[in-house]
Amino acid sequence: MKEIRIQTNFTNSISEQYVYQLGDIIDPTIRQTLSRCFNNPESLRPEITSEGVTTKAAMALAVIADKLRNKDYEPRRIAHFLNKLVFCLFAEDLDLLRN
């Protein structure tokens, strides 16, 4: 065992992962995080929810759409481009796209 991995999995929250090398546990901050796993796991709940991420992504796509509309692109072409963009975002999340 060379490392300690903690992965949060709270309902409607984004999963976060903490990875520490075994030698890192001498750091008080890391020991505090490890202690929270057992004594106060709720404190590890990420503040951003799935809904929050979706809202931020929708707002970013709306900004892109507005900028494209201001450049007089055809609404149908803008919609097609945004659909492709959303598909690529999902594909990237599922590791279907290579880096």
PDB file of N, CA and C in Angstrom:
ATOM      1  N   MET A   1       0.849  -1.171   0.000  1.00  0.00           N
ATOM      2  CA  MET A   1       0.000   0.000   0.000  1.00  0.00           C
ATOM      3  C   MET A   1       0.897   1.237   0.000  1.00  0.00           C
ATOM      4  N   LYS A   2       0.842   2.002  -1.092  1.00  0.00           N
ATOM      5  CA  LYS A   2       1.689   3.180  -1.217  1.00  0.00           C
ATOM      6  C   LYS A   2       0.912   4.480  -1.148  1.00  0.00           C
ATOM      7  N   GLU A   3      -0.393   4.380  -1.293  1.00  0.00           N
ATOM      8  CA  GLU A   3      -1.183   5.605  -1.276  1.00  0.00           C
ATOM      9  C   GLU A   3      -2.542   5.357  -0.651  1.00  0.00           C
ATOM     10  N   ILE A   4      -3.155   6.455  -0.260  1.00  0.00           N
ATOM     11  CA  ILE A   4      -4.500   6.421   0.306  1.00  0.00           C
ATOM     12  C   ILE A   4      -5.387   7.217  -0.635  1.00  0.00           C
ATOM     13  N   ARG A   5      -6.499   6.609  -1.053  1.00  0.00           N
ATOM     14  CA  ARG A   5      -7.448   7.276  -1.950  1.00  0.00           C
ATOM     15  C   ARG A   5      -8.790   7.403  -1.253  1.00  0.00           C
ATOM     16  N   ILE A   6      -9.307   8.614  -1.319  1.00  0.00           N
ATOM     17  CA  ILE A   6     -10.640   8.885  -0.796  1.00  0.00           C
ATOM     18  C   ILE A   6     -11.439   9.443  -1.959  1.00  0.00           C
ATOM     19  N   GLN A   7     -12.588   8.852  -2.222  1.00  0.00           N
ATOM     20  CA  GLN A   7     -13.452   9.352  -3.292  1.00  0.00           C
ATOM     21  C   GLN A   7     -14.839   9.575  -2.714  1.00  0.00           C
ATOM     22  N   THR A   8     -15.292  10.830  -2.801  1.00  0.00           N
ATOM     23  CA  THR A   8     -16.622  11.130  -2.291  1.00  0.00           C
ATOM     24  C   THR A   8     -17.666  10.643  -3.277  1.00  0.00           C
ATOM     25  N   ASN A   9     -18.826  10.291  -2.741  1.00  0.00           N
ATOM     26  CA  ASN A   9     -19.913   9.807  -3.589  1.00  0.00           C
ATOM     27  C   ASN A   9     -21.248  10.172  -2.942  1.00  0.00           C
ATOM     28  N   PHE A  10     -21.442  11.467  -2.706  1.00  0.00           N
ATOM     29  CA  PHE A  10     -22.672  11.945  -2.089  1.00  0.00           C
ATOM     30  C   PHE A  10     -23.740  12.122  -3.160  1.00  0.00           C
ATOM     31  N   THR A  11     -24.981  11.866  -2.814  1.00  0.00           N
ATOM     32  CA  THR A  11     -26.099  12.030  -3.739  1.00  0.00           C
ATOM     33  C   THR A  11     -26.174  13.477  -4.215  1.00  0.00           C
ATOM     34  N   ASN A  12     -26.336  13.651  -5.522  1.00  0.00           N
ATOM     35  CA  ASN A  12     -26.483  14.949  -6.172  1.00  0.00           C
ATOM     36  C   ASN A  12     -25.276  15.857  -5.981  1.00  0.00           C
ATOM     37  N   SER A  13     -24.119  15.293  -5.709  1.00  0.00           N
ATOM     38  CA  SER A  13     -22.890  16.073  -5.601  1.00  0.00           C
ATOM     39  C   SER A  13     -21.867  15.530  -6.575  1.00  0.00           C
ATOM     40  N   ILE A  14     -20.975  16.394  -6.956  1.00  0.00           N
ATOM     41  CA  ILE A  14     -19.881  15.991  -7.829  1.00  0.00           C
ATOM     42  C   ILE A  14     -18.906  15.153  -7.005  1.00  0.00           C
ATOM     43  N   SER A  15     -18.447  14.071  -7.570  1.00  0.00           N
ATOM     44  CA  SER A  15     -17.486  13.213  -6.886  1.00  0.00           C
ATOM     45  C   SER A  15     -16.118  13.892  -6.867  1.00  0.00           C
ATOM     46  N   GLU A  16     -15.478  13.865  -5.708  1.00  0.00           N
ATOM     47  CA  GLU A  16     -14.127  14.398  -5.592  1.00  0.00           C
ATOM     48  C   GLU A  16     -13.211  13.286  -5.117  1.00  0.00           C
ATOM     49  N   GLN A  17     -11.953  13.393  -5.506  1.00  0.00           N
ATOM     50  CA  GLN A  17     -10.994  12.358  -5.112  1.00  0.00           C
ATOM     51  C   GLN A  17      -9.801  13.011  -4.431  1.00  0.00           C
ATOM     52  N   TYR A  18      -9.402  12.430  -3.325  1.00  0.00           N
ATOM     53  CA  TYR A  18      -8.213  12.856  -2.599  1.00  0.00           C
ATOM     54  C   TYR A  18      -7.229  11.691  -2.679  1.00  0.00           C
ATOM     55  N   VAL A  19      -6.023  11.961  -3.121  1.00  0.00           N
ATOM     56  CA  VAL A  19      -5.004  10.914  -3.224  1.00  0.00           C
ATOM     57  C   VAL A  19      -3.767  11.387  -2.467  1.00  0.00           C
ATOM     58  N   TYR A  20      -3.365  10.582  -1.492  1.00  0.00           N
ATOM     59  CA  TYR A  20      -2.203  10.929  -0.680  1.00  0.00           C
ATOM     60  C   TYR A  20      -1.218   9.772  -0.705  1.00  0.00           C
ATOM     61  N   GLN A  21       0.040  10.109  -0.796  1.00  0.00           N
ATOM     62  CA  GLN A  21       1.081   9.103  -0.650  1.00  0.00           C
ATOM     63  C   GLN A  21       1.174   8.762   0.837  1.00  0.00           C
ATOM     64  N   LEU A  22       1.517   7.534   1.137  1.00  0.00           N
ATOM     65  CA  LEU A  22       1.530   7.087   2.522  1.00  0.00           C
ATOM     66  C   LEU A  22       2.427   7.976   3.387  1.00  0.00           C
ATOM     67  N   GLY A  23       3.531   8.407   2.834  1.00  0.00           N
ATOM     68  CA  GLY A  23       4.444   9.262   3.589  1.00  0.00           C
ATOM     69  C   GLY A  23       3.891  10.649   3.863  1.00  0.00           C
ATOM     70  N   ASP A  24       2.836  11.033   3.130  1.00  0.00           N
ATOM     71  CA  ASP A  24       2.244  12.367   3.291  1.00  0.00           C
ATOM     72  C   ASP A  24       1.436  12.516   4.569  1.00  0.00           C
ATOM     73  N   ILE A  25       1.137  11.419   5.249  1.00  0.00           N
ATOM     74  CA  ILE A  25       0.249  11.517   6.416  1.00  0.00           C
ATOM     75  C   ILE A  25       0.919  12.206   7.606  1.00  0.00           C
ATOM     76  N   ILE A  26       2.169  12.566   7.475  1.00  0.00           N
ATOM     77  CA  ILE A  26       2.798  13.352   8.545  1.00  0.00           C
ATOM     78  C   ILE A  26       2.317  14.805   8.498  1.00  0.00           C
ATOM     79  N   ASP A  27       1.732  15.210   7.366  1.00  0.00           N
ATOM     80  CA  ASP A  27       1.188  16.561   7.209  1.00  0.00           C
ATOM     81  C   ASP A  27      -0.117  16.672   8.001  1.00  0.00           C
ATOM     82  N   PRO A  28      -0.204  17.639   8.918  1.00  0.00           N
ATOM     83  CA  PRO A  28      -1.418  17.772   9.742  1.00  0.00           C
ATOM     84  C   PRO A  28      -2.695  18.005   8.926  1.00  0.00           C
ATOM     85  N   THR A  29      -2.584  18.717   7.827  1.00  0.00           N
ATOM     86  CA  THR A  29      -3.764  18.975   6.994  1.00  0.00           C
ATOM     87  C   THR A  29      -4.298  17.683   6.391  1.00  0.00           C
ATOM     88  N   ILE A  30      -3.403  16.837   5.947  1.00  0.00           N
ATOM     89  CA  ILE A  30      -3.807  15.553   5.363  1.00  0.00           C
ATOM     90  C   ILE A  30      -4.391  14.646   6.443  1.00  0.00           C
ATOM     91  N   ARG A  31      -3.768  14.641   7.605  1.00  0.00           N
ATOM     92  CA  ARG A  31      -4.309  13.835   8.710  1.00  0.00           C
ATOM     93  C   ARG A  31      -5.704  14.315   9.096  1.00  0.00           C
ATOM     94  N   GLN A  32      -5.932  15.623   9.031  1.00  0.00           N
ATOM     95  CA  GLN A  32      -7.247  16.162   9.346  1.00  0.00           C
ATOM     96  C   GLN A  32      -8.284  15.670   8.330  1.00  0.00           C
ATOM     97  N   THR A  33      -7.911  15.654   7.045  1.00  0.00           N
ATOM     98  CA  THR A  33      -8.825  15.143   6.009  1.00  0.00           C
ATOM     99  C   THR A  33      -9.132  13.672   6.261  1.00  0.00           C
ATOM    100  N   LEU A  34      -8.127  12.899   6.589  1.00  0.00           N
ATOM    101  CA  LEU A  34      -8.337  11.476   6.881  1.00  0.00           C
ATOM    102  C   LEU A  34      -9.237  11.304   8.097  1.00  0.00           C
ATOM    103  N   SER A  35      -9.050  12.120   9.096  1.00  0.00           N
ATOM    104  CA  SER A  35      -9.882  12.054  10.296  1.00  0.00           C
ATOM    105  C   SER A  35     -11.332  12.397   9.961  1.00  0.00           C
ATOM    106  N   ARG A  36     -11.543  13.375   9.092  1.00  0.00           N
ATOM    107  CA  ARG A  36     -12.895  13.755   8.704  1.00  0.00           C
ATOM    108  C   ARG A  36     -13.632  12.603   8.027  1.00  0.00           C
ATOM    109  N   CYS A  37     -12.913  11.731   7.348  1.00  0.00           N
ATOM    110  CA  CYS A  37     -13.553  10.561   6.705  1.00  0.00           C
ATOM    111  C   CYS A  37     -14.320   9.726   7.715  1.00  0.00           C
ATOM    112  N   PHE A  38     -13.764   9.604   8.897  1.00  0.00           N
ATOM    113  CA  PHE A  38     -14.360   8.741   9.913  1.00  0.00           C
ATOM    114  C   PHE A  38     -15.238   9.505  10.910  1.00  0.00           C
ATOM    115  N   ASN A  39     -14.819  10.714  11.249  1.00  0.00           N
ATOM    116  CA  ASN A  39     -15.508  11.458  12.305  1.00  0.00           C
ATOM    117  C   ASN A  39     -16.555  12.453  11.794  1.00  0.00           C
ATOM    118  N   ASN A  40     -16.395  12.923  10.575  1.00  0.00           N
ATOM    119  CA  ASN A  40     -17.335  13.904  10.027  1.00  0.00           C
ATOM    120  C   ASN A  40     -17.339  13.810   8.503  1.00  0.00           C
ATOM    121  N   PRO A  41     -17.770  12.678   7.963  1.00  0.00           N
ATOM    122  CA  PRO A  41     -17.700  12.511   6.505  1.00  0.00           C
ATOM    123  C   PRO A  41     -18.514  13.550   5.730  1.00  0.00           C
ATOM    124  N   GLU A  42     -19.573  14.061   6.333  1.00  0.00           N
ATOM    125  CA  GLU A  42     -20.397  15.075   5.662  1.00  0.00           C
ATOM    126  C   GLU A  42     -19.588  16.333   5.338  1.00  0.00           C
ATOM    127  N   SER A  43     -18.529  16.586   6.096  1.00  0.00           N
ATOM    128  CA  SER A  43     -17.697  17.767   5.845  1.00  0.00           C
ATOM    129  C   SER A  43     -16.916  17.652   4.540  1.00  0.00           C
ATOM    130  N   LEU A  44     -16.861  16.456   3.976  1.00  0.00           N
ATOM    131  CA  LEU A  44     -16.180  16.253   2.691  1.00  0.00           C
ATOM    132  C   LEU A  44     -17.118  16.416   1.502  1.00  0.00           C
ATOM    133  N   ARG A  45     -18.401  16.679   1.780  1.00  0.00           N
ATOM    134  CA  ARG A  45     -19.370  16.848   0.693  1.00  0.00           C
ATOM    135  C   ARG A  45     -18.976  18.077  -0.121  1.00  0.00           C
ATOM    136  N   PRO A  46     -18.780  17.911  -1.428  1.00  0.00           N
ATOM    137  CA  PRO A  46     -18.445  19.061  -2.273  1.00  0.00           C
ATOM    138  C   PRO A  46     -19.583  20.085  -2.261  1.00  0.00           C
ATOM    139  N   GLU A  47     -19.215  21.357  -2.309  1.00  0.00           N
ATOM    140  CA  GLU A  47     -20.230  22.410  -2.281  1.00  0.00           C
ATOM    141  C   GLU A  47     -21.020  22.476  -3.577  1.00  0.00           C
ATOM    142  N   ILE A  48     -20.387  22.131  -4.684  1.00  0.00           N
ATOM    143  CA  ILE A  48     -21.078  22.216  -5.980  1.00  0.00           C
ATOM    144  C   ILE A  48     -21.835  20.920  -6.239  1.00  0.00           C
ATOM    145  N   THR A  49     -23.058  21.068  -6.702  1.00  0.00           N
ATOM    146  CA  THR A  49     -23.904  19.913  -6.995  1.00  0.00           C
ATOM    147  C   THR A  49     -23.898  19.634  -8.493  1.00  0.00           C
ATOM    148  N   SER A  50     -24.449  18.502  -8.868  1.00  0.00           N
ATOM    149  CA  SER A  50     -24.592  18.176 -10.286  1.00  0.00           C
ATOM    150  C   SER A  50     -25.422  19.251 -10.984  1.00  0.00           C
ATOM    151  N   GLU A  51     -26.458  19.707 -10.298  1.00  0.00           N
ATOM    152  CA  GLU A  51     -27.315  20.749 -10.849  1.00  0.00           C
ATOM    153  C   GLU A  51     -26.524  22.044 -11.062  1.00  0.00           C
ATOM    154  N   GLY A  52     -25.653  22.370 -10.122  1.00  0.00           N
ATOM    155  CA  GLY A  52     -24.828  23.569 -10.246  1.00  0.00           C
ATOM    156  C   GLY A  52     -23.883  23.502 -11.436  1.00  0.00           C
ATOM    157  N   VAL A  53     -23.288  22.336 -11.648  1.00  0.00           N
ATOM    158  CA  VAL A  53     -22.392  22.154 -12.798  1.00  0.00           C
ATOM    159  C   VAL A  53     -23.177  22.286 -14.094  1.00  0.00           C
ATOM    160  N   THR A  54     -24.363  21.686 -14.132  1.00  0.00           N
ATOM    161  CA  THR A  54     -25.205  21.765 -15.324  1.00  0.00           C
ATOM    162  C   THR A  54     -25.603  23.210 -15.610  1.00  0.00           C
ATOM    163  N   THR A  55     -25.951  23.938 -14.568  1.00  0.00           N
ATOM    164  CA  THR A  55     -26.334  25.344 -14.728  1.00  0.00           C
ATOM    165  C   THR A  55     -25.175  26.171 -15.276  1.00  0.00           C
ATOM    166  N   LYS A  56     -23.974  25.962 -14.716  1.00  0.00           N
ATOM    167  CA  LYS A  56     -22.804  26.701 -15.204  1.00  0.00           C
ATOM    168  C   LYS A  56     -22.505  26.368 -16.664  1.00  0.00           C
ATOM    169  N   ALA A  57     -22.629  25.093 -17.019  1.00  0.00           N
ATOM    170  CA  ALA A  57     -22.374  24.683 -18.407  1.00  0.00           C
ATOM    171  C   ALA A  57     -23.410  25.295 -19.344  1.00  0.00           C
ATOM    172  N   ALA A  58     -24.671  25.306 -18.920  1.00  0.00           N
ATOM    173  CA  ALA A  58     -25.731  25.890 -19.752  1.00  0.00           C
ATOM    174  C   ALA A  58     -25.502  27.379 -19.951  1.00  0.00           C
ATOM    175  N   MET A  59     -25.055  28.057 -18.898  1.00  0.00           N
ATOM    176  CA  MET A  59     -24.774  29.487 -19.014  1.00  0.00           C
ATOM    177  C   MET A  59     -23.609  29.746 -19.965  1.00  0.00           C
ATOM    178  N   ALA A  60     -22.585  28.900 -19.891  1.00  0.00           N
ATOM    179  CA  ALA A  60     -21.442  29.057 -20.798  1.00  0.00           C
ATOM    180  C   ALA A  60     -21.859  28.820 -22.248  1.00  0.00           C
ATOM    181  N   LEU A  61     -22.700  27.819 -22.469  1.00  0.00           N
ATOM    182  CA  LEU A  61     -23.189  27.560 -23.828  1.00  0.00           C
ATOM    183  C   LEU A  61     -24.073  28.702 -24.325  1.00  0.00           C
ATOM    184  N   ALA A  62     -24.844  29.306 -23.420  1.00  0.00           N
ATOM    185  CA  ALA A  62     -25.682  30.443 -23.805  1.00  0.00           C
ATOM    186  C   ALA A  62     -24.823  31.633 -24.239  1.00  0.00           C
ATOM    187  N   VAL A  63     -23.716  31.840 -23.548  1.00  0.00           N
ATOM    188  CA  VAL A  63     -22.794  32.929 -23.926  1.00  0.00           C
ATOM    189  C   VAL A  63     -22.228  32.672 -25.318  1.00  0.00           C
ATOM    190  N   ILE A  64     -21.831  31.428 -25.567  1.00  0.00           N
ATOM    191  CA  ILE A  64     -21.301  31.078 -26.887  1.00  0.00           C
ATOM    192  C   ILE A  64     -22.370  31.298 -27.953  1.00  0.00           C
ATOM    193  N   ALA A  65     -23.589  30.849 -27.673  1.00  0.00           N
ATOM    194  CA  ALA A  65     -24.686  31.008 -28.637  1.00  0.00           C
ATOM    195  C   ALA A  65     -24.945  32.484 -28.923  1.00  0.00           C
ATOM    196  N   ASP A  66     -24.957  33.316 -27.886  1.00  0.00           N
ATOM    197  CA  ASP A  66     -25.179  34.750 -28.077  1.00  0.00           C
ATOM    198  C   ASP A  66     -24.088  35.378 -28.933  1.00  0.00           C
ATOM    199  N   LYS A  67     -22.857  35.008 -28.668  1.00  0.00           N
ATOM    200  CA  LYS A  67     -21.749  35.564 -29.459  1.00  0.00           C
ATOM    201  C   LYS A  67     -21.853  35.143 -30.921  1.00  0.00           C
ATOM    202  N   LEU A  68     -22.244  33.906 -31.160  1.00  0.00           N
ATOM    203  CA  LEU A  68     -22.394  33.447 -32.540  1.00  0.00           C
ATOM    204  C   LEU A  68     -23.576  34.137 -33.229  1.00  0.00           C
ATOM    205  N   ARG A  69     -24.658  34.343 -32.475  1.00  0.00           N
ATOM    206  CA  ARG A  69     -25.813  35.061 -33.037  1.00  0.00           C
ATOM    207  C   ARG A  69     -25.450  36.489 -33.406  1.00  0.00           C
ATOM    208  N   ASN A  70     -24.619  37.124 -32.570  1.00  0.00           N
ATOM    209  CA  ASN A  70     -24.185  38.493 -32.844  1.00  0.00           C
ATOM    210  C   ASN A  70     -23.293  38.581 -34.076  1.00  0.00           C
ATOM    211  N   LYS A  71     -22.742  37.459 -34.483  1.00  0.00           N
ATOM    212  CA  LYS A  71     -21.911  37.423 -35.698  1.00  0.00           C
ATOM    213  C   LYS A  71     -22.746  37.039 -36.915  1.00  0.00           C
ATOM    214  N   ASP A  72     -24.050  36.985 -36.733  1.00  0.00           N
ATOM    215  CA  ASP A  72     -25.003  36.710 -37.819  1.00  0.00           C
ATOM    216  C   ASP A  72     -24.895  35.308 -38.407  1.00  0.00           C
ATOM    217  N   TYR A  73     -24.528  34.343 -37.562  1.00  0.00           N
ATOM    218  CA  TYR A  73     -24.567  32.962 -38.039  1.00  0.00           C
ATOM    219  C   TYR A  73     -26.021  32.502 -38.062  1.00  0.00           C
ATOM    220  N   GLU A  74     -26.301  31.590 -38.928  1.00  0.00           N
ATOM    221  CA  GLU A  74     -27.636  31.008 -39.043  1.00  0.00           C
ATOM    222  C   GLU A  74     -27.999  30.280 -37.745  1.00  0.00           C
ATOM    223  N   PRO A  75     -29.180  30.498 -37.188  1.00  0.00           N
ATOM    224  CA  PRO A  75     -29.570  29.830 -35.936  1.00  0.00           C
ATOM    225  C   PRO A  75     -29.453  28.303 -36.013  1.00  0.00           C
ATOM    226  N   ARG A  76     -29.779  27.750 -37.167  1.00  0.00           N
ATOM    227  CA  ARG A  76     -29.693  26.288 -37.325  1.00  0.00           C
ATOM    228  C   ARG A  76     -28.242  25.804 -37.223  1.00  0.00           C
ATOM    229  N   ARG A  77     -27.306  26.567 -37.799  1.00  0.00           N
ATOM    230  CA  ARG A  77     -25.886  26.197 -37.726  1.00  0.00           C
ATOM    231  C   ARG A  77     -25.370  26.334 -36.297  1.00  0.00           C
ATOM    232  N   ILE A  78     -25.838  27.364 -35.598  1.00  0.00           N
ATOM    233  CA  ILE A  78     -25.426  27.546 -34.206  1.00  0.00           C
ATOM    234  C   ILE A  78     -25.902  26.355 -33.369  1.00  0.00           C
ATOM    235  N   ALA A  79     -27.171  25.979 -33.538  1.00  0.00           N
ATOM    236  CA  ALA A  79     -27.727  24.846 -32.790  1.00  0.00           C
ATOM    237  C   ALA A  79     -26.969  23.566 -33.096  1.00  0.00           C
ATOM    238  N   HIS A  80     -26.644  23.349 -34.350  1.00  0.00           N
ATOM    239  CA  HIS A  80     -25.904  22.144 -34.745  1.00  0.00           C
ATOM    240  C   HIS A  80     -24.515  22.132 -34.091  1.00  0.00           C
ATOM    241  N   PHE A  81     -23.849  23.276 -34.104  1.00  0.00           N
ATOM    242  CA  PHE A  81     -22.525  23.378 -33.483  1.00  0.00           C
ATOM    243  C   PHE A  81     -22.608  23.105 -31.982  1.00  0.00           C
ATOM    244  N   LEU A  82     -23.591  23.702 -31.316  1.00  0.00           N
ATOM    245  CA  LEU A  82     -23.730  23.505 -29.872  1.00  0.00           C
ATOM    246  C   LEU A  82     -24.066  22.053 -29.532  1.00  0.00           C
ATOM    247  N   ASN A  83     -24.868  21.403 -30.367  1.00  0.00           N
ATOM    248  CA  ASN A  83     -25.141  19.970 -30.160  1.00  0.00           C
ATOM    249  C   ASN A  83     -23.868  19.153 -30.244  1.00  0.00           C
ATOM    250  N   LYS A  84     -23.019  19.471 -31.215  1.00  0.00           N
ATOM    251  CA  LYS A  84     -21.740  18.765 -31.347  1.00  0.00           C
ATOM    252  C   LYS A  84     -20.864  19.008 -30.116  1.00  0.00           C
ATOM    253  N   LEU A  85     -20.872  20.249 -29.651  1.00  0.00           N
ATOM    254  CA  LEU A  85     -20.068  20.604 -28.486  1.00  0.00           C
ATOM    255  C   LEU A  85     -20.523  19.831 -27.249  1.00  0.00           C
ATOM    256  N   VAL A  86     -21.830  19.774 -27.027  1.00  0.00           N
ATOM    257  CA  VAL A  86     -22.366  19.032 -25.879  1.00  0.00           C
ATOM    258  C   VAL A  86     -22.024  17.545 -25.994  1.00  0.00           C
ATOM    259  N   PHE A  87     -22.145  16.997 -27.199  1.00  0.00           N
ATOM    260  CA  PHE A  87     -21.789  15.592 -27.399  1.00  0.00           C
ATOM    261  C   PHE A  87     -20.320  15.359 -27.042  1.00  0.00           C
ATOM    262  N   CYS A  88     -19.446  16.255 -27.471  1.00  0.00           N
ATOM    263  CA  CYS A  88     -18.015  16.117 -27.174  1.00  0.00           C
ATOM    264  C   CYS A  88     -17.749  16.198 -25.672  1.00  0.00           C
ATOM    265  N   LEU A  89     -18.484  17.051 -24.973  1.00  0.00           N
ATOM    266  CA  LEU A  89     -18.315  17.156 -23.525  1.00  0.00           C
ATOM    267  C   LEU A  89     -18.689  15.846 -22.831  1.00  0.00           C
ATOM    268  N   PHE A  90     -19.802  15.237 -23.255  1.00  0.00           N
ATOM    269  CA  PHE A  90     -20.196  13.944 -22.682  1.00  0.00           C
ATOM    270  C   PHE A  90     -19.188  12.858 -23.046  1.00  0.00           C
ATOM    271  N   ALA A  91     -18.735  12.857 -24.287  1.00  0.00           N
ATOM    272  CA  ALA A  91     -17.766  11.848 -24.726  1.00  0.00           C
ATOM    273  C   ALA A  91     -16.474  11.975 -23.923  1.00  0.00           C
ATOM    274  N   GLU A  92     -16.074  13.205 -23.644  1.00  0.00           N
ATOM    275  CA  GLU A  92     -14.852  13.431 -22.866  1.00  0.00           C
ATOM    276  C   GLU A  92     -15.049  12.925 -21.436  1.00  0.00           C
ATOM    277  N   ASP A  93     -16.216  13.169 -20.854  1.00  0.00           N
ATOM    278  CA  ASP A  93     -16.490  12.696 -19.492  1.00  0.00           C
ATOM    279  C   ASP A  93     -16.453  11.170 -19.410  1.00  0.00           C
ATOM    280  N   LEU A  94     -16.827  10.501 -20.487  1.00  0.00           N
ATOM    281  CA  LEU A  94     -16.828   9.038 -20.496  1.00  0.00           C
ATOM    282  C   LEU A  94     -15.505   8.456 -20.989  1.00  0.00           C
ATOM    283  N   ASP A  95     -14.510   9.327 -21.153  1.00  0.00           N
ATOM    284  CA  ASP A  95     -13.171   8.923 -21.629  1.00  0.00           C
ATOM    285  C   ASP A  95     -13.216   8.281 -23.014  1.00  0.00           C
ATOM    286  N   LEU A  96     -14.114   8.752 -23.864  1.00  0.00           N
ATOM    287  CA  LEU A  96     -14.193   8.241 -25.227  1.00  0.00           C
ATOM    288  C   LEU A  96     -13.247   8.992 -26.167  1.00  0.00           C
ATOM    289  N   LEU A  97     -12.771  10.151 -25.726  1.00  0.00           N
ATOM    290  CA  LEU A  97     -11.853  10.949 -26.544  1.00  0.00           C
ATOM    291  C   LEU A  97     -10.449  10.801 -25.973  1.00  0.00           C
ATOM    292  N   ARG A  98      -9.523  10.604 -26.851  1.00  0.00           N
ATOM    293  CA  ARG A  98      -8.131  10.466 -26.403  1.00  0.00           C
ATOM    294  C   ARG A  98      -7.480  11.830 -26.272  1.00  0.00           C
ATOM    295  N   ASN A  99      -6.584  11.943 -25.302  1.00  0.00           N
ATOM    296  CA  ASN A  99      -5.856  13.204 -25.098  1.00  0.00           C
ATOM    297  C   ASN A  99      -4.743  13.335 -26.103  1.00  0.00           C
TER     298      ASN A  99
END
